[in-house]
Amino acid sequence: MYEKTFPNKRFKHTLHFLKKHINTSESILDLGVSNPFSEIMISEGYSVTNTTGEDLDEDRSNIENSSADVVTAFEIFEHLLSPYEVLKSIKSEKLVLSIPLKLWFSSAYQSKTDKWDRHYHEFEDWQLDWLLEKTGWVIKDRQKWTNPVNKIGIRPLLRQFTPRYYIVYAERV
């Protein structure tokens, strides 16, 4: 996934937000397989366990059986058919998650070669907020940021000021 590019800006913002809300003494269940960002969390002193690549729409046993203090989900929920069920199954009291926001000038992302690399949901911020509320979470903090690209054109220009990522820290009601 990161063969040619590395999302340094996104990782920097995500790590800063995580450090603001989560202490390194708290254990983390990170939804998704081990990845460059989970390795960054570990290098920063966090105790991180990842899910193992199972289809979280079908198999939530790793989430349901976890005793982690915190669940993180970075750019995962847009790939799920039923993020509602995943959010309901989390037993931890704290949640940090981020999503790419729906861009009004761009269609939903779909890889033609990798069935896991597709966005079923393209969230707007209010949709994620509502989903969290309905599943028993209260948002305590949130942040958005842009993701400019070094290209010429209308869409690259719009990316200069249109927020692309949304991150929230929530606690169980």
C-alpha atoms as a PDB file:
ATOM      1  CA  MET A   1       0.000   0.000   0.000  1.00  0.00           C
ATOM      2  CA  TYR A   2       2.850   2.431   0.758  1.00  0.00           C
ATOM      3  CA  GLU A   3       5.301   1.268  -1.923  1.00  0.00           C
ATOM      4  CA  LYS A   4       5.837   4.669  -3.548  1.00  0.00           C
ATOM      5  CA  THR A   5       4.386   7.173  -1.115  1.00  0.00           C
ATOM      6  CA  PHE A   6       4.290   7.525   2.633  1.00  0.00           C
ATOM      7  CA  PRO A   7       1.540   9.689   4.202  1.00  0.00           C
ATOM      8  CA  ASN A   8       3.895  11.688   6.439  1.00  0.00           C
ATOM      9  CA  LYS A   9       1.492  14.577   7.051  1.00  0.00           C
ATOM     10  CA  ARG A  10      -1.371  12.244   8.012  1.00  0.00           C
ATOM     11  CA  PHE A  11       0.886  10.195  10.284  1.00  0.00           C
ATOM     12  CA  LYS A  12       2.233  13.356  11.961  1.00  0.00           C
ATOM     13  CA  HIS A  13      -1.266  14.709  12.670  1.00  0.00           C
ATOM     14  CA  THR A  14      -2.540  11.316  13.816  1.00  0.00           C
ATOM     15  CA  LEU A  15       0.368  10.749  16.209  1.00  0.00           C
ATOM     16  CA  HIS A  16       0.023  14.241  17.702  1.00  0.00           C
ATOM     17  CA  PHE A  17      -3.707  13.682  18.257  1.00  0.00           C
ATOM     18  CA  LEU A  18      -3.115  10.230  19.754  1.00  0.00           C
ATOM     19  CA  LYS A  19      -0.482  11.561  22.176  1.00  0.00           C
ATOM     20  CA  LYS A  20      -2.871  14.321  23.241  1.00  0.00           C
ATOM     21  CA  HIS A  21      -5.482  11.797  24.436  1.00  0.00           C
ATOM     22  CA  ILE A  22      -3.878   8.418  25.053  1.00  0.00           C
ATOM     23  CA  ASN A  23      -1.150   7.632  27.563  1.00  0.00           C
ATOM     24  CA  THR A  24       1.546   5.111  26.653  1.00  0.00           C
ATOM     25  CA  SER A  25       0.544   3.079  29.715  1.00  0.00           C
ATOM     26  CA  GLU A  26      -2.810   2.267  28.050  1.00  0.00           C
ATOM     27  CA  SER A  27      -2.980  -0.831  25.848  1.00  0.00           C
ATOM     28  CA  ILE A  28      -4.270  -0.390  22.295  1.00  0.00           C
ATOM     29  CA  LEU A  29      -6.156  -2.670  19.938  1.00  0.00           C
ATOM     30  CA  ASP A  30      -5.531  -1.231  16.476  1.00  0.00           C
ATOM     31  CA  LEU A  31      -8.129  -2.340  13.937  1.00  0.00           C
ATOM     32  CA  GLY A  32      -6.428  -3.627  10.807  1.00  0.00           C
ATOM     33  CA  VAL A  33      -3.270  -5.588  10.200  1.00  0.00           C
ATOM     34  CA  SER A  34       0.105  -4.379  11.401  1.00  0.00           C
ATOM     35  CA  ASN A  35       1.080  -1.404   9.265  1.00  0.00           C
ATOM     36  CA  PRO A  36       3.578   1.473   9.190  1.00  0.00           C
ATOM     37  CA  PHE A  37       1.495   3.563  11.596  1.00  0.00           C
ATOM     38  CA  SER A  38       1.088   0.757  14.146  1.00  0.00           C
ATOM     39  CA  GLU A  39       4.893   0.436  14.005  1.00  0.00           C
ATOM     40  CA  ILE A  40       5.180   4.184  14.679  1.00  0.00           C
ATOM     41  CA  MET A  41       2.883   3.826  17.711  1.00  0.00           C
ATOM     42  CA  ILE A  42       5.056   1.006  19.051  1.00  0.00           C
ATOM     43  CA  SER A  43       8.230   3.047  18.494  1.00  0.00           C
ATOM     44  CA  GLU A  44       6.607   5.871  20.500  1.00  0.00           C
ATOM     45  CA  GLY A  45       6.120   3.540  23.485  1.00  0.00           C
ATOM     46  CA  TYR A  46       2.554   2.338  22.971  1.00  0.00           C
ATOM     47  CA  SER A  47       1.578  -1.283  23.545  1.00  0.00           C
ATOM     48  CA  VAL A  48      -0.270  -2.173  20.332  1.00  0.00           C
ATOM     49  CA  THR A  49      -2.011  -5.325  19.191  1.00  0.00           C
ATOM     50  CA  ASN A  50      -3.499  -5.435  15.704  1.00  0.00           C
ATOM     51  CA  THR A  51      -6.375  -7.453  14.364  1.00  0.00           C
ATOM     52  CA  THR A  52      -5.196 -10.181  12.014  1.00  0.00           C
ATOM     53  CA  GLY A  53      -6.761  -9.356   8.666  1.00  0.00           C
ATOM     54  CA  GLU A  54     -10.129 -10.955   9.300  1.00  0.00           C
ATOM     55  CA  ASP A  55     -13.189  -9.412   7.676  1.00  0.00           C
ATOM     56  CA  LEU A  56     -14.468  -7.266  10.562  1.00  0.00           C
ATOM     57  CA  ASP A  57     -17.930  -7.166   9.001  1.00  0.00           C
ATOM     58  CA  GLU A  58     -18.105 -10.951   9.433  1.00  0.00           C
ATOM     59  CA  ASP A  59     -15.775 -11.721  12.345  1.00  0.00           C
ATOM     60  CA  ARG A  60     -15.562  -9.358  15.305  1.00  0.00           C
ATOM     61  CA  SER A  61     -14.170 -11.933  17.764  1.00  0.00           C
ATOM     62  CA  ASN A  62     -10.800 -10.170  18.159  1.00  0.00           C
ATOM     63  CA  ILE A  63     -12.640  -6.968  19.059  1.00  0.00           C
ATOM     64  CA  GLU A  64     -15.125  -8.689  21.372  1.00  0.00           C
ATOM     65  CA  ASN A  65     -12.399 -10.671  23.166  1.00  0.00           C
ATOM     66  CA  SER A  66      -9.975  -7.771  23.541  1.00  0.00           C
ATOM     67  CA  SER A  67      -9.206  -6.322  26.957  1.00  0.00           C
ATOM     68  CA  ALA A  68      -7.371  -3.318  25.494  1.00  0.00           C
ATOM     69  CA  ASP A  69      -7.907   0.043  27.161  1.00  0.00           C
ATOM     70  CA  VAL A  70      -8.231   1.832  23.819  1.00  0.00           C
ATOM     71  CA  VAL A  71      -9.301   0.920  20.296  1.00  0.00           C
ATOM     72  CA  THR A  72      -7.790   2.779  17.363  1.00  0.00           C
ATOM     73  CA  ALA A  73      -9.139   2.655  13.832  1.00  0.00           C
ATOM     74  CA  PHE A  74      -7.196   4.726  11.338  1.00  0.00           C
ATOM     75  CA  GLU A  75      -8.729   4.781   7.857  1.00  0.00           C
ATOM     76  CA  ILE A  76     -10.603   1.507   8.410  1.00  0.00           C
ATOM     77  CA  PHE A  77     -14.301   2.369   8.743  1.00  0.00           C
ATOM     78  CA  GLU A  78     -14.720   3.563   5.171  1.00  0.00           C
ATOM     79  CA  HIS A  79     -13.859   0.006   4.018  1.00  0.00           C
ATOM     80  CA  LEU A  80     -16.514  -1.683   6.156  1.00  0.00           C
ATOM     81  CA  LEU A  81     -20.064  -2.432   5.095  1.00  0.00           C
ATOM     82  CA  SER A  82     -21.268  -2.229   8.690  1.00  0.00           C
ATOM     83  CA  PRO A  83     -19.163   0.044  10.890  1.00  0.00           C
ATOM     84  CA  TYR A  84     -22.210   0.256  13.187  1.00  0.00           C
ATOM     85  CA  GLU A  85     -21.763  -3.374  14.275  1.00  0.00           C
ATOM     86  CA  VAL A  86     -18.023  -2.946  14.759  1.00  0.00           C
ATOM     87  CA  LEU A  87     -18.507   0.144  16.939  1.00  0.00           C
ATOM     88  CA  LYS A  88     -21.163  -1.625  19.029  1.00  0.00           C
ATOM     89  CA  SER A  89     -18.839  -4.596  19.648  1.00  0.00           C
ATOM     90  CA  ILE A  90     -15.991  -2.523  21.127  1.00  0.00           C
ATOM     91  CA  LYS A  91     -15.651  -3.050  24.875  1.00  0.00           C
ATOM     92  CA  SER A  92     -12.944  -0.454  25.493  1.00  0.00           C
ATOM     93  CA  GLU A  93     -13.954   2.849  27.030  1.00  0.00           C
ATOM     94  CA  LYS A  94     -11.819   4.942  24.645  1.00  0.00           C
ATOM     95  CA  LEU A  95     -11.717   5.178  20.873  1.00  0.00           C
ATOM     96  CA  VAL A  96      -9.506   7.117  18.477  1.00  0.00           C
ATOM     97  CA  LEU A  97     -10.447   6.877  14.836  1.00  0.00           C
ATOM     98  CA  SER A  98      -9.848   8.715  11.621  1.00  0.00           C
ATOM     99  CA  ILE A  99     -11.442   8.620   8.217  1.00  0.00           C
ATOM    100  CA  PRO A 100     -10.846  10.260   4.880  1.00  0.00           C
ATOM    101  CA  LEU A 101     -13.683  12.685   4.290  1.00  0.00           C
ATOM    102  CA  LYS A 102     -15.967  12.551   1.289  1.00  0.00           C
ATOM    103  CA  LEU A 103     -14.732  14.989  -1.310  1.00  0.00           C
ATOM    104  CA  TRP A 104     -17.553  16.588  -3.261  1.00  0.00           C
ATOM    105  CA  PHE A 105     -15.314  16.874  -6.303  1.00  0.00           C
ATOM    106  CA  SER A 106     -14.132  13.254  -6.334  1.00  0.00           C
ATOM    107  CA  SER A 107     -15.926   9.914  -6.575  1.00  0.00           C
ATOM    108  CA  ALA A 108     -15.540   7.111  -4.030  1.00  0.00           C
ATOM    109  CA  TYR A 109     -12.218   5.288  -4.168  1.00  0.00           C
ATOM    110  CA  GLN A 110     -12.189   1.779  -5.632  1.00  0.00           C
ATOM    111  CA  SER A 111      -9.139  -0.309  -6.408  1.00  0.00           C
ATOM    112  CA  LYS A 112      -9.681  -2.512  -9.434  1.00  0.00           C
ATOM    113  CA  THR A 113      -7.119  -5.082  -8.236  1.00  0.00           C
ATOM    114  CA  ASP A 114      -7.546  -5.309  -4.447  1.00  0.00           C
ATOM    115  CA  LYS A 115     -11.024  -6.027  -3.048  1.00  0.00           C
ATOM    116  CA  TRP A 116      -9.928  -4.796   0.424  1.00  0.00           C
ATOM    117  CA  ASP A 117      -8.763  -1.447  -0.944  1.00  0.00           C
ATOM    118  CA  ARG A 118     -12.183   0.027  -1.641  1.00  0.00           C
ATOM    119  CA  HIS A 119     -14.284   2.618   0.112  1.00  0.00           C
ATOM    120  CA  TYR A 120     -17.811   1.462   0.744  1.00  0.00           C
ATOM    121  CA  HIS A 121     -18.514   4.588   2.805  1.00  0.00           C
ATOM    122  CA  GLU A 122     -17.364   8.079   1.946  1.00  0.00           C
ATOM    123  CA  PHE A 123     -18.224   9.863   5.177  1.00  0.00           C
ATOM    124  CA  GLU A 124     -18.979  13.483   5.841  1.00  0.00           C
ATOM    125  CA  ASP A 125     -18.064  14.539   9.363  1.00  0.00           C
ATOM    126  CA  TRP A 126     -21.684  14.715  10.554  1.00  0.00           C
ATOM    127  CA  GLN A 127     -22.296  11.134   9.384  1.00  0.00           C
ATOM    128  CA  LEU A 128     -19.441   9.762  11.478  1.00  0.00           C
ATOM    129  CA  ASP A 129     -20.560  11.878  14.445  1.00  0.00           C
ATOM    130  CA  TRP A 130     -24.074  10.456  14.161  1.00  0.00           C
ATOM    131  CA  LEU A 131     -22.777   6.898  13.816  1.00  0.00           C
ATOM    132  CA  LEU A 132     -20.695   7.299  16.973  1.00  0.00           C
ATOM    133  CA  GLU A 133     -23.637   8.806  18.867  1.00  0.00           C
ATOM    134  CA  LYS A 134     -25.956   5.959  17.814  1.00  0.00           C
ATOM    135  CA  THR A 135     -23.429   3.348  18.952  1.00  0.00           C
ATOM    136  CA  GLY A 136     -22.929   4.799  22.429  1.00  0.00           C
ATOM    137  CA  TRP A 137     -19.887   7.035  22.003  1.00  0.00           C
ATOM    138  CA  VAL A 138     -19.429  10.681  22.989  1.00  0.00           C
ATOM    139  CA  ILE A 139     -16.923  12.685  20.969  1.00  0.00           C
ATOM    140  CA  LYS A 140     -14.551  14.549  23.278  1.00  0.00           C
ATOM    141  CA  ASP A 141     -12.271  16.038  20.625  1.00  0.00           C
ATOM    142  CA  ARG A 142     -12.079  16.241  16.843  1.00  0.00           C
ATOM    143  CA  GLN A 143      -9.823  17.663  14.198  1.00  0.00           C
ATOM    144  CA  LYS A 144      -9.715  17.988  10.406  1.00  0.00           C
ATOM    145  CA  TRP A 145      -6.846  18.677   8.063  1.00  0.00           C
ATOM    146  CA  THR A 146      -6.139  19.063   4.367  1.00  0.00           C
ATOM    147  CA  ASN A 147      -3.943  16.879   2.192  1.00  0.00           C
ATOM    148  CA  PRO A 148      -2.506  19.017  -0.603  1.00  0.00           C
ATOM    149  CA  VAL A 149      -0.791  17.306  -3.515  1.00  0.00           C
ATOM    150  CA  ASN A 150       1.990  18.682  -5.692  1.00  0.00           C
ATOM    151  CA  LYS A 151       0.116  18.550  -8.974  1.00  0.00           C
ATOM    152  CA  ILE A 152      -1.466  21.079 -11.281  1.00  0.00           C
ATOM    153  CA  GLY A 153      -5.206  21.146 -11.835  1.00  0.00           C
ATOM    154  CA  ILE A 154      -8.591  21.957 -10.353  1.00  0.00           C
ATOM    155  CA  ARG A 155      -8.732  19.007  -7.946  1.00  0.00           C
ATOM    156  CA  PRO A 156      -5.202  19.605  -6.620  1.00  0.00           C
ATOM    157  CA  LEU A 157      -6.147  23.253  -6.093  1.00  0.00           C
ATOM    158  CA  LEU A 158      -9.306  22.249  -4.187  1.00  0.00           C
ATOM    159  CA  ARG A 159      -7.217  19.898  -1.995  1.00  0.00           C
ATOM    160  CA  GLN A 160      -5.252  22.945  -0.780  1.00  0.00           C
ATOM    161  CA  PHE A 161      -8.181  24.107   1.355  1.00  0.00           C
ATOM    162  CA  THR A 162     -10.734  21.258   1.467  1.00  0.00           C
ATOM    163  CA  PRO A 163     -10.325  19.091   4.591  1.00  0.00           C
ATOM    164  CA  ARG A 164      -9.468  15.510   3.637  1.00  0.00           C
ATOM    165  CA  TYR A 165      -9.068  13.771   7.008  1.00  0.00           C
ATOM    166  CA  TYR A 166     -11.199  13.750  10.136  1.00  0.00           C
ATOM    167  CA  ILE A 167     -10.016  12.318  13.451  1.00  0.00           C
ATOM    168  CA  VAL A 168     -11.981  11.949  16.675  1.00  0.00           C
ATOM    169  CA  TYR A 169     -11.369  10.920  20.240  1.00  0.00           C
ATOM    170  CA  ALA A 170     -14.503   9.423  21.819  1.00  0.00           C
ATOM    171  CA  GLU A 171     -15.422   7.777  25.092  1.00  0.00           C
ATOM    172  CA  ARG A 172     -18.112   5.219  25.808  1.00  0.00           C
ATOM    173  CA  VAL A 173     -21.284   6.718  27.321  1.00  0.00           C
END
